[in-house]
């Protein structure tokens, strides 16, 4: 999918920084769609869905988590987490561990195989991202990250 800046006809060159940020925000939806399509394409044949990948990546980061913790970390519904965890358990990608704080809310952990799988997926994705890094300075990447965080935090408060 080629994004055409003509989808932003209200902006004329040169645009102000506020207009440029607004245009950047407008690009978010098509960008997320393109990223999701790319991740789906890259996961083809892995036996892992985009949603399952998110669960595996979260568990890679934290080691173990309950379903409510995964729901909060990923900012998704508990029904989504429930479906994905159920499918991951059925496929043998997760193990459970008793939660001493709560009898019915177990901890979910990666299996050795799923740890290797998500690490391999992330390594492949990182290699793709490295190609993009060649066109930006470290300061530009840092600014991008700070702006994304500020938008997420600032817009969520209103």
C-alpha atoms as a PDB file:
ATOM      1  CA  UNK A   1       0.000   0.000   0.000  1.00  0.00           C
ATOM      2  CA  UNK A   2       1.561   3.238  -1.118  1.00  0.00           C
ATOM      3  CA  UNK A   3       0.616   6.169   1.080  1.00  0.00           C
ATOM      4  CA  UNK A   4       0.008   9.296  -0.914  1.00  0.00           C
ATOM      5  CA  UNK A   5       0.368  12.618   0.814  1.00  0.00           C
ATOM      6  CA  UNK A   6      -2.528  13.766  -1.379  1.00  0.00           C
ATOM      7  CA  UNK A   7      -4.732  12.306   1.336  1.00  0.00           C
ATOM      8  CA  UNK A   8      -3.821  15.466   3.272  1.00  0.00           C
ATOM      9  CA  UNK A   9      -4.969  18.165   0.786  1.00  0.00           C
ATOM     10  CA  UNK A  10      -5.497  20.722   3.558  1.00  0.00           C
ATOM     11  CA  UNK A  11      -1.747  21.052   3.982  1.00  0.00           C
ATOM     12  CA  UNK A  12       0.309  23.062   1.550  1.00  0.00           C
ATOM     13  CA  UNK A  13       4.087  23.155   1.382  1.00  0.00           C
ATOM     14  CA  UNK A  14       5.641  24.457   3.504  1.00  0.00           C
ATOM     15  CA  UNK A  15       3.539  23.446   6.454  1.00  0.00           C
ATOM     16  CA  UNK A  16       3.895  24.611  10.040  1.00  0.00           C
ATOM     17  CA  UNK A  17       5.235  22.280  12.723  1.00  0.00           C
ATOM     18  CA  UNK A  18       1.703  21.967  14.158  1.00  0.00           C
ATOM     19  CA  UNK A  19       0.336  20.984  10.745  1.00  0.00           C
ATOM     20  CA  UNK A  20       3.185  18.522  10.267  1.00  0.00           C
ATOM     21  CA  UNK A  21       2.474  16.898  13.655  1.00  0.00           C
ATOM     22  CA  UNK A  22      -1.230  16.757  12.804  1.00  0.00           C
ATOM     23  CA  UNK A  23      -0.395  15.087   9.469  1.00  0.00           C
ATOM     24  CA  UNK A  24       1.849  12.650  11.345  1.00  0.00           C
ATOM     25  CA  UNK A  25      -1.035  11.748  13.636  1.00  0.00           C
ATOM     26  CA  UNK A  26      -3.290  11.220  10.606  1.00  0.00           C
ATOM     27  CA  UNK A  27      -0.742   8.803   9.154  1.00  0.00           C
ATOM     28  CA  UNK A  28      -1.005   6.612  12.267  1.00  0.00           C
ATOM     29  CA  UNK A  29      -4.031   4.555  11.169  1.00  0.00           C
ATOM     30  CA  UNK A  30      -2.649   3.608   7.731  1.00  0.00           C
ATOM     31  CA  UNK A  31       0.770   3.014   9.320  1.00  0.00           C
ATOM     32  CA  UNK A  32      -0.680   0.611  11.893  1.00  0.00           C
ATOM     33  CA  UNK A  33      -2.569  -1.197   9.128  1.00  0.00           C
ATOM     34  CA  UNK A  34       0.629  -1.536   7.063  1.00  0.00           C
ATOM     35  CA  UNK A  35       2.611  -2.719  10.096  1.00  0.00           C
ATOM     36  CA  UNK A  36      -0.052  -5.305  10.960  1.00  0.00           C
ATOM     37  CA  UNK A  37      -0.148  -6.558   7.366  1.00  0.00           C
ATOM     38  CA  UNK A  38       3.644  -6.794   7.344  1.00  0.00           C
ATOM     39  CA  UNK A  39       3.727  -8.684  10.651  1.00  0.00           C
ATOM     40  CA  UNK A  40       1.008 -11.066   9.399  1.00  0.00           C
ATOM     41  CA  UNK A  41       2.976 -11.673   6.200  1.00  0.00           C
ATOM     42  CA  UNK A  42       6.207 -12.251   8.130  1.00  0.00           C
ATOM     43  CA  UNK A  43       4.435 -14.688  10.487  1.00  0.00           C
ATOM     44  CA  UNK A  44       3.113 -16.813   7.614  1.00  0.00           C
ATOM     45  CA  UNK A  45       4.054 -20.426   8.230  1.00  0.00           C
ATOM     46  CA  UNK A  46       5.091 -19.814  11.853  1.00  0.00           C
ATOM     47  CA  UNK A  47       1.830 -21.041  13.345  1.00  0.00           C
ATOM     48  CA  UNK A  48       1.635 -17.793  15.323  1.00  0.00           C
ATOM     49  CA  UNK A  49      -0.971 -15.056  14.785  1.00  0.00           C
ATOM     50  CA  UNK A  50      -0.381 -11.337  15.299  1.00  0.00           C
ATOM     51  CA  UNK A  51      -2.336 -11.472  18.567  1.00  0.00           C
ATOM     52  CA  UNK A  52      -0.430 -14.504  19.794  1.00  0.00           C
ATOM     53  CA  UNK A  53       2.817 -12.791  18.858  1.00  0.00           C
ATOM     54  CA  UNK A  54       1.857  -9.879  21.142  1.00  0.00           C
ATOM     55  CA  UNK A  55       1.224 -12.262  24.059  1.00  0.00           C
ATOM     56  CA  UNK A  56       4.513 -14.093  23.468  1.00  0.00           C
ATOM     57  CA  UNK A  57       6.436 -10.819  23.228  1.00  0.00           C
ATOM     58  CA  UNK A  58       4.895  -9.537  26.465  1.00  0.00           C
ATOM     59  CA  UNK A  59       5.842 -12.751  28.243  1.00  0.00           C
ATOM     60  CA  UNK A  60       9.342 -12.564  26.807  1.00  0.00           C
ATOM     61  CA  UNK A  61       9.651  -9.115  28.383  1.00  0.00           C
ATOM     62  CA  UNK A  62       8.274  -9.937  31.833  1.00  0.00           C
ATOM     63  CA  UNK A  63       8.929 -13.663  32.240  1.00  0.00           C
ATOM     64  CA  UNK A  64       5.515 -14.601  33.553  1.00  0.00           C
ATOM     65  CA  UNK A  65       2.148 -12.908  33.906  1.00  0.00           C
ATOM     66  CA  UNK A  66      -1.492 -13.577  34.700  1.00  0.00           C
ATOM     67  CA  UNK A  67      -4.212 -12.958  32.135  1.00  0.00           C
ATOM     68  CA  UNK A  68      -5.262  -9.709  33.872  1.00  0.00           C
ATOM     69  CA  UNK A  69      -1.660  -8.514  33.821  1.00  0.00           C
ATOM     70  CA  UNK A  70      -1.380  -9.316  30.098  1.00  0.00           C
ATOM     71  CA  UNK A  71      -4.650  -7.476  29.492  1.00  0.00           C
ATOM     72  CA  UNK A  72      -3.286  -4.381  31.208  1.00  0.00           C
ATOM     73  CA  UNK A  73       0.157  -4.559  29.582  1.00  0.00           C
ATOM     74  CA  UNK A  74      -1.247  -4.910  26.071  1.00  0.00           C
ATOM     75  CA  UNK A  75      -4.231  -2.594  26.630  1.00  0.00           C
ATOM     76  CA  UNK A  76      -6.636  -5.111  25.097  1.00  0.00           C
ATOM     77  CA  UNK A  77      -9.801  -6.831  26.292  1.00  0.00           C
ATOM     78  CA  UNK A  78      -9.680  -9.752  28.672  1.00  0.00           C
ATOM     79  CA  UNK A  79     -11.693 -11.730  26.113  1.00  0.00           C
ATOM     80  CA  UNK A  80      -8.934 -11.205  23.557  1.00  0.00           C
ATOM     81  CA  UNK A  81      -6.270 -12.340  26.018  1.00  0.00           C
ATOM     82  CA  UNK A  82      -8.421 -15.311  27.026  1.00  0.00           C
ATOM     83  CA  UNK A  83      -8.812 -16.495  23.410  1.00  0.00           C
ATOM     84  CA  UNK A  84      -5.146 -16.035  22.546  1.00  0.00           C
ATOM     85  CA  UNK A  85      -3.880 -17.692  25.740  1.00  0.00           C
ATOM     86  CA  UNK A  86      -6.270 -20.619  25.232  1.00  0.00           C
ATOM     87  CA  UNK A  87      -4.984 -21.127  21.671  1.00  0.00           C
ATOM     88  CA  UNK A  88      -1.346 -20.759  22.765  1.00  0.00           C
ATOM     89  CA  UNK A  89      -1.845 -23.320  25.536  1.00  0.00           C
ATOM     90  CA  UNK A  90      -3.535 -25.742  23.132  1.00  0.00           C
ATOM     91  CA  UNK A  91      -0.623 -25.372  20.713  1.00  0.00           C
ATOM     92  CA  UNK A  92       1.901 -26.036  23.490  1.00  0.00           C
ATOM     93  CA  UNK A  93       3.401 -22.525  23.335  1.00  0.00           C
ATOM     94  CA  UNK A  94       2.648 -21.657  26.970  1.00  0.00           C
ATOM     95  CA  UNK A  95       3.012 -23.295  30.338  1.00  0.00           C
ATOM     96  CA  UNK A  96       1.158 -22.403  33.514  1.00  0.00           C
ATOM     97  CA  UNK A  97       2.434 -21.939  37.023  1.00  0.00           C
ATOM     98  CA  UNK A  98       0.386 -21.701  40.200  1.00  0.00           C
ATOM     99  CA  UNK A  99      -0.170 -18.195  41.488  1.00  0.00           C
ATOM    100  CA  UNK A 100       0.238 -18.194  45.279  1.00  0.00           C
ATOM    101  CA  UNK A 101      -1.701 -14.923  45.476  1.00  0.00           C
ATOM    102  CA  UNK A 102      -4.762 -16.195  43.656  1.00  0.00           C
ATOM    103  CA  UNK A 103      -5.950 -19.790  43.245  1.00  0.00           C
ATOM    104  CA  UNK A 104      -7.801 -19.318  39.938  1.00  0.00           C
ATOM    105  CA  UNK A 105      -5.478 -16.838  38.216  1.00  0.00           C
ATOM    106  CA  UNK A 106      -2.411 -18.762  37.049  1.00  0.00           C
ATOM    107  CA  UNK A 107       0.820 -17.356  35.701  1.00  0.00           C
ATOM    108  CA  UNK A 108       1.568 -17.950  32.020  1.00  0.00           C
ATOM    109  CA  UNK A 109       5.126 -18.609  30.897  1.00  0.00           C
ATOM    110  CA  UNK A 110       6.819 -19.283  27.575  1.00  0.00           C
ATOM    111  CA  UNK A 111       7.924 -22.802  26.759  1.00  0.00           C
ATOM    112  CA  UNK A 112      11.504 -23.256  25.574  1.00  0.00           C
ATOM    113  CA  UNK A 113      10.185 -23.668  22.024  1.00  0.00           C
ATOM    114  CA  UNK A 114       7.987 -20.550  22.118  1.00  0.00           C
ATOM    115  CA  UNK A 115      10.828 -18.512  23.646  1.00  0.00           C
ATOM    116  CA  UNK A 116      13.059 -19.526  20.756  1.00  0.00           C
ATOM    117  CA  UNK A 117      10.248 -18.782  18.281  1.00  0.00           C
ATOM    118  CA  UNK A 118       9.485 -15.258  19.567  1.00  0.00           C
ATOM    119  CA  UNK A 119      13.197 -14.464  19.845  1.00  0.00           C
ATOM    120  CA  UNK A 120      13.626 -15.547  16.211  1.00  0.00           C
ATOM    121  CA  UNK A 121      10.626 -13.477  15.113  1.00  0.00           C
ATOM    122  CA  UNK A 122      11.961 -10.430  16.943  1.00  0.00           C
ATOM    123  CA  UNK A 123      15.439 -10.910  15.472  1.00  0.00           C
ATOM    124  CA  UNK A 124      13.962 -10.963  11.974  1.00  0.00           C
ATOM    125  CA  UNK A 125      11.867  -7.856  12.677  1.00  0.00           C
ATOM    126  CA  UNK A 126      14.871  -6.064  14.172  1.00  0.00           C
ATOM    127  CA  UNK A 127      16.870  -6.815  11.032  1.00  0.00           C
ATOM    128  CA  UNK A 128      14.126  -5.184   8.939  1.00  0.00           C
ATOM    129  CA  UNK A 129      14.016  -2.163  11.242  1.00  0.00           C
ATOM    130  CA  UNK A 130      17.809  -1.807  11.055  1.00  0.00           C
ATOM    131  CA  UNK A 131      17.462  -0.977   7.352  1.00  0.00           C
ATOM    132  CA  UNK A 132      15.222   1.977   8.244  1.00  0.00           C
ATOM    133  CA  UNK A 133      17.671   3.192  10.878  1.00  0.00           C
ATOM    134  CA  UNK A 134      20.241   3.848   8.163  1.00  0.00           C
ATOM    135  CA  UNK A 135      18.165   6.821   6.951  1.00  0.00           C
ATOM    136  CA  UNK A 136      17.772   8.530  10.346  1.00  0.00           C
ATOM    137  CA  UNK A 137      20.100   9.936  12.960  1.00  0.00           C
ATOM    138  CA  UNK A 138      20.000   8.703  16.538  1.00  0.00           C
ATOM    139  CA  UNK A 139      18.560  12.099  17.519  1.00  0.00           C
ATOM    140  CA  UNK A 140      15.721  11.724  14.999  1.00  0.00           C
ATOM    141  CA  UNK A 141      14.859   8.252  16.285  1.00  0.00           C
ATOM    142  CA  UNK A 142      14.943   9.542  19.862  1.00  0.00           C
ATOM    143  CA  UNK A 143      12.688  12.481  18.925  1.00  0.00           C
ATOM    144  CA  UNK A 144      10.242  10.145  17.169  1.00  0.00           C
ATOM    145  CA  UNK A 145      10.036   7.929  20.247  1.00  0.00           C
ATOM    146  CA  UNK A 146       9.582  10.886  22.614  1.00  0.00           C
ATOM    147  CA  UNK A 147       6.825  12.376  20.421  1.00  0.00           C
ATOM    148  CA  UNK A 148       4.986   9.040  20.207  1.00  0.00           C
ATOM    149  CA  UNK A 149       5.122   8.655  24.006  1.00  0.00           C
ATOM    150  CA  UNK A 150       3.993  12.240  24.574  1.00  0.00           C
ATOM    151  CA  UNK A 151       1.069  11.844  22.159  1.00  0.00           C
ATOM    152  CA  UNK A 152      -0.027   8.608  23.788  1.00  0.00           C
ATOM    153  CA  UNK A 153       0.149  10.077  27.267  1.00  0.00           C
ATOM    154  CA  UNK A 154      -1.216  13.506  26.391  1.00  0.00           C
ATOM    155  CA  UNK A 155      -4.126  12.393  24.259  1.00  0.00           C
ATOM    156  CA  UNK A 156      -5.123   9.658  26.721  1.00  0.00           C
ATOM    157  CA  UNK A 157      -5.541  12.249  29.479  1.00  0.00           C
ATOM    158  CA  UNK A 158      -8.226  14.207  27.647  1.00  0.00           C
END
